[in-house]
Amino acid sequence: PFALLTGWIENKDKGNSICTHTLKEVVLTQHPPAITIFNVVEHARRHFRVLEYSSNLSISMHEVRNGEPYPDRVGGILSLSAGVPMSTVGPKPSLVVTRALNAELGTQTFIPERFLAGLLPAALVEKYIFWQSENDDLIGYE
């Protein structure tokens, strides 16, 4: 990446007395010029990226779930963009799924697909189920 930016957007008040925010991570690449935006969400007391916007789908590692592709221009180059960069998310309940297959692997934690979109190629995310070891290794199983 050429630059990595973080920031937050205040979530619209839905009558709650608690003010919440959506943490954003913006990844800028120079060659080819592209902007990728992730929401950083809390799941099981950990923070994960969720792909929300890509200014160039041809170099994105995964499809963007929100919105249809549309023509856009970044750095003077025409490309297909998709997603909603200003989307917000509120707090949600989560569940941790762990397993201990053997002493060598130790305890592993299941990582849902939505947290790997944009970080790993879609072909891998669709083919494998990923578990994270205690030493932060990510292991895919068919």
C-alpha atoms as a PDB file:
ATOM      1  CA  PRO A   1       0.000   0.000   0.000  1.00  0.00           C
ATOM      2  CA  PHE A   2       1.018   3.560  -0.685  1.00  0.00           C
ATOM      3  CA  ALA A   3      -0.845   4.879   2.376  1.00  0.00           C
ATOM      4  CA  LEU A   4      -2.985   3.486   5.165  1.00  0.00           C
ATOM      5  CA  LEU A   5      -5.467   5.830   6.841  1.00  0.00           C
ATOM      6  CA  THR A   6      -7.810   5.251   9.757  1.00  0.00           C
ATOM      7  CA  GLY A   7     -10.722   7.280  11.023  1.00  0.00           C
ATOM      8  CA  TRP A   8     -14.282   6.993  12.215  1.00  0.00           C
ATOM      9  CA  ILE A   9     -17.785   8.057  11.288  1.00  0.00           C
ATOM     10  CA  GLU A  10     -20.444   8.747  13.888  1.00  0.00           C
ATOM     11  CA  ASN A  11     -23.394   6.409  13.466  1.00  0.00           C
ATOM     12  CA  LYS A  12     -26.737   8.089  12.924  1.00  0.00           C
ATOM     13  CA  ASP A  13     -28.751   8.331  16.121  1.00  0.00           C
ATOM     14  CA  LYS A  14     -31.612   5.831  16.101  1.00  0.00           C
ATOM     15  CA  GLY A  15     -33.162   7.058  19.317  1.00  0.00           C
ATOM     16  CA  ASN A  16     -30.471   5.455  21.467  1.00  0.00           C
ATOM     17  CA  SER A  17     -28.883   7.435  24.255  1.00  0.00           C
ATOM     18  CA  ILE A  18     -25.507   5.821  23.468  1.00  0.00           C
ATOM     19  CA  CYS A  19     -23.466   7.400  20.649  1.00  0.00           C
ATOM     20  CA  THR A  20     -21.606   4.825  18.544  1.00  0.00           C
ATOM     21  CA  HIS A  21     -19.045   5.121  15.764  1.00  0.00           C
ATOM     22  CA  THR A  22     -17.854   3.065  12.800  1.00  0.00           C
ATOM     23  CA  LEU A  23     -14.109   2.687  12.526  1.00  0.00           C
ATOM     24  CA  LYS A  24     -12.820   2.930   8.924  1.00  0.00           C
ATOM     25  CA  GLU A  25      -9.557   1.850   7.358  1.00  0.00           C
ATOM     26  CA  VAL A  26      -8.627   3.292   3.959  1.00  0.00           C
ATOM     27  CA  VAL A  27      -5.906   1.625   1.880  1.00  0.00           C
ATOM     28  CA  LEU A  28      -4.459   3.694  -0.976  1.00  0.00           C
ATOM     29  CA  THR A  29      -2.321   2.097  -3.683  1.00  0.00           C
ATOM     30  CA  GLN A  30      -0.293   4.052  -6.202  1.00  0.00           C
ATOM     31  CA  HIS A  31       0.368   1.557  -9.011  1.00  0.00           C
ATOM     32  CA  PRO A  32      -2.342   1.042 -10.172  1.00  0.00           C
ATOM     33  CA  PRO A  33      -4.152   3.875  -8.410  1.00  0.00           C
ATOM     34  CA  ALA A  34      -6.915   2.490  -6.205  1.00  0.00           C
ATOM     35  CA  ILE A  35      -8.800   3.132  -2.985  1.00  0.00           C
ATOM     36  CA  THR A  36     -10.063   0.287  -0.806  1.00  0.00           C
ATOM     37  CA  ILE A  37     -12.181   1.003   2.261  1.00  0.00           C
ATOM     38  CA  PHE A  38     -12.842  -1.412   5.110  1.00  0.00           C
ATOM     39  CA  ASN A  39     -15.127  -1.129   8.118  1.00  0.00           C
ATOM     40  CA  VAL A  40     -13.298  -2.334  11.215  1.00  0.00           C
ATOM     41  CA  VAL A  41     -15.787  -4.322  13.274  1.00  0.00           C
ATOM     42  CA  GLU A  42     -15.589  -5.951  16.666  1.00  0.00           C
ATOM     43  CA  HIS A  43     -16.209  -9.695  16.746  1.00  0.00           C
ATOM     44  CA  ALA A  44     -15.516 -11.834  19.800  1.00  0.00           C
ATOM     45  CA  ARG A  45     -13.548  -9.001  21.452  1.00  0.00           C
ATOM     46  CA  ARG A  46     -11.230  -8.739  18.449  1.00  0.00           C
ATOM     47  CA  HIS A  47     -11.247  -6.305  15.540  1.00  0.00           C
ATOM     48  CA  PHE A  48     -11.566  -7.440  11.927  1.00  0.00           C
ATOM     49  CA  ARG A  49     -11.755  -5.691   8.553  1.00  0.00           C
ATOM     50  CA  VAL A  50     -14.892  -5.977   6.409  1.00  0.00           C
ATOM     51  CA  LEU A  51     -14.558  -4.894   2.766  1.00  0.00           C
ATOM     52  CA  GLU A  52     -16.986  -2.027   2.018  1.00  0.00           C
ATOM     53  CA  TYR A  53     -15.678  -0.231  -1.088  1.00  0.00           C
ATOM     54  CA  SER A  54     -13.195  -0.719  -3.908  1.00  0.00           C
ATOM     55  CA  SER A  55     -12.443   1.917  -6.533  1.00  0.00           C
ATOM     56  CA  ASN A  56     -11.027  -0.720  -8.910  1.00  0.00           C
ATOM     57  CA  LEU A  57     -12.690  -4.140  -8.913  1.00  0.00           C
ATOM     58  CA  SER A  58     -10.102  -5.554 -11.312  1.00  0.00           C
ATOM     59  CA  ILE A  59      -7.431  -5.496  -8.577  1.00  0.00           C
ATOM     60  CA  SER A  60      -9.717  -6.180  -5.606  1.00  0.00           C
ATOM     61  CA  MET A  61      -9.267  -9.619  -4.077  1.00  0.00           C
ATOM     62  CA  HIS A  62     -12.989 -10.101  -3.478  1.00  0.00           C
ATOM     63  CA  GLU A  63     -16.388  -8.820  -4.592  1.00  0.00           C
ATOM     64  CA  VAL A  64     -17.836  -5.960  -2.616  1.00  0.00           C
ATOM     65  CA  ARG A  65     -21.165  -7.029  -1.075  1.00  0.00           C
ATOM     66  CA  ASN A  66     -22.885  -3.631  -1.017  1.00  0.00           C
ATOM     67  CA  GLY A  67     -23.965  -2.106  -4.296  1.00  0.00           C
ATOM     68  CA  GLU A  68     -23.642  -2.786  -7.986  1.00  0.00           C
ATOM     69  CA  PRO A  69     -20.455  -1.925  -9.902  1.00  0.00           C
ATOM     70  CA  TYR A  70     -20.386   1.512 -11.533  1.00  0.00           C
ATOM     71  CA  PRO A  71     -17.820   3.369 -13.688  1.00  0.00           C
ATOM     72  CA  ASP A  72     -15.507   5.633 -11.722  1.00  0.00           C
ATOM     73  CA  ARG A  73     -12.269   7.535 -12.292  1.00  0.00           C
ATOM     74  CA  VAL A  74      -9.346   7.383  -9.830  1.00  0.00           C
ATOM     75  CA  GLY A  75      -6.070   9.054 -10.707  1.00  0.00           C
ATOM     76  CA  GLY A  76      -7.366   9.703 -14.230  1.00  0.00           C
ATOM     77  CA  ILE A  77      -7.909   5.985 -14.871  1.00  0.00           C
ATOM     78  CA  LEU A  78     -11.412   4.701 -15.630  1.00  0.00           C
ATOM     79  CA  SER A  79     -12.359   1.602 -13.654  1.00  0.00           C
ATOM     80  CA  LEU A  80     -15.336  -0.203 -12.138  1.00  0.00           C
ATOM     81  CA  SER A  81     -16.001   0.739  -8.530  1.00  0.00           C
ATOM     82  CA  ALA A  82     -18.373  -0.945  -6.104  1.00  0.00           C
ATOM     83  CA  GLY A  83     -19.566  -0.456  -2.574  1.00  0.00           C
ATOM     84  CA  VAL A  84     -20.664   2.313  -0.276  1.00  0.00           C
ATOM     85  CA  PRO A  85     -17.646   4.018   1.305  1.00  0.00           C
ATOM     86  CA  MET A  86     -19.649   5.920   3.931  1.00  0.00           C
ATOM     87  CA  SER A  87     -21.619   2.923   5.263  1.00  0.00           C
ATOM     88  CA  THR A  88     -21.841   2.523   9.035  1.00  0.00           C
ATOM     89  CA  VAL A  89     -22.286  -0.468  11.326  1.00  0.00           C
ATOM     90  CA  GLY A  90     -23.516  -0.653  14.878  1.00  0.00           C
ATOM     91  CA  PRO A  91     -22.629  -3.021  17.690  1.00  0.00           C
ATOM     92  CA  LYS A  92     -23.813  -6.615  17.191  1.00  0.00           C
ATOM     93  CA  PRO A  93     -23.668  -9.767  19.261  1.00  0.00           C
ATOM     94  CA  SER A  94     -20.971 -12.273  18.301  1.00  0.00           C
ATOM     95  CA  LEU A  95     -19.983 -15.827  19.061  1.00  0.00           C
ATOM     96  CA  VAL A  96     -16.517 -17.360  19.301  1.00  0.00           C
ATOM     97  CA  VAL A  97     -16.116 -20.868  17.874  1.00  0.00           C
ATOM     98  CA  THR A  98     -12.948 -22.636  19.006  1.00  0.00           C
ATOM     99  CA  ARG A  99     -11.621 -26.154  18.764  1.00  0.00           C
ATOM    100  CA  ALA A 100      -8.659 -28.178  19.967  1.00  0.00           C
ATOM    101  CA  LEU A 101      -7.815 -30.896  17.423  1.00  0.00           C
ATOM    102  CA  ASN A 102      -4.504 -31.932  18.986  1.00  0.00           C
ATOM    103  CA  ALA A 103      -1.740 -30.666  21.250  1.00  0.00           C
ATOM    104  CA  GLU A 104       0.510 -29.687  18.317  1.00  0.00           C
ATOM    105  CA  LEU A 105      -2.034 -27.264  16.798  1.00  0.00           C
ATOM    106  CA  GLY A 106      -3.394 -26.063  20.125  1.00  0.00           C
ATOM    107  CA  THR A 107      -6.647 -24.138  20.295  1.00  0.00           C
ATOM    108  CA  GLN A 108      -7.915 -22.749  16.990  1.00  0.00           C
ATOM    109  CA  THR A 109     -10.524 -20.028  16.446  1.00  0.00           C
ATOM    110  CA  PHE A 110     -12.908 -20.022  13.472  1.00  0.00           C
ATOM    111  CA  ILE A 111     -12.589 -16.929  11.225  1.00  0.00           C
ATOM    112  CA  PRO A 112     -15.809 -16.166   9.266  1.00  0.00           C
ATOM    113  CA  GLU A 113     -15.541 -15.500   5.502  1.00  0.00           C
ATOM    114  CA  ARG A 114     -16.686 -11.878   5.785  1.00  0.00           C
ATOM    115  CA  PHE A 115     -13.492 -11.016   7.687  1.00  0.00           C
ATOM    116  CA  LEU A 116     -11.242 -12.416   4.954  1.00  0.00           C
ATOM    117  CA  ALA A 117     -12.903 -10.703   1.962  1.00  0.00           C
ATOM    118  CA  GLY A 118     -10.456  -8.277   0.390  1.00  0.00           C
ATOM    119  CA  LEU A 119      -7.523  -9.669   2.371  1.00  0.00           C
ATOM    120  CA  LEU A 120      -7.289 -13.069   0.651  1.00  0.00           C
ATOM    121  CA  PRO A 121      -8.230 -13.944  -2.941  1.00  0.00           C
ATOM    122  CA  ALA A 122     -11.908 -14.909  -3.299  1.00  0.00           C
ATOM    123  CA  ALA A 123     -10.974 -18.321  -4.746  1.00  0.00           C
ATOM    124  CA  LEU A 124      -9.263 -19.255  -1.457  1.00  0.00           C
ATOM    125  CA  VAL A 125     -11.999 -17.831   0.773  1.00  0.00           C
ATOM    126  CA  GLU A 126     -14.677 -19.777  -1.133  1.00  0.00           C
ATOM    127  CA  LYS A 127     -12.765 -23.087  -1.188  1.00  0.00           C
ATOM    128  CA  TYR A 128     -11.394 -23.261   2.362  1.00  0.00           C
ATOM    129  CA  ILE A 129     -12.657 -22.819   5.923  1.00  0.00           C
ATOM    130  CA  PHE A 130     -10.114 -20.801   7.912  1.00  0.00           C
ATOM    131  CA  TRP A 131      -9.049 -21.277  11.513  1.00  0.00           C
ATOM    132  CA  GLN A 132      -6.546 -19.112  13.394  1.00  0.00           C
ATOM    133  CA  SER A 133      -4.057 -20.740  15.760  1.00  0.00           C
ATOM    134  CA  GLU A 134      -2.902 -19.296  19.056  1.00  0.00           C
ATOM    135  CA  ASN A 135       0.295 -18.069  17.347  1.00  0.00           C
ATOM    136  CA  ASP A 136      -1.866 -16.134  14.792  1.00  0.00           C
ATOM    137  CA  ASP A 137      -1.192 -18.576  11.912  1.00  0.00           C
ATOM    138  CA  LEU A 138      -4.176 -18.780   9.569  1.00  0.00           C
ATOM    139  CA  ILE A 139      -4.858 -22.324   8.364  1.00  0.00           C
ATOM    140  CA  GLY A 140      -7.355 -23.231   5.622  1.00  0.00           C
ATOM    141  CA  TYR A 141      -9.118 -26.595   5.595  1.00  0.00           C
ATOM    142  CA  GLU A 142     -11.162 -28.018   2.714  1.00  0.00           C
END
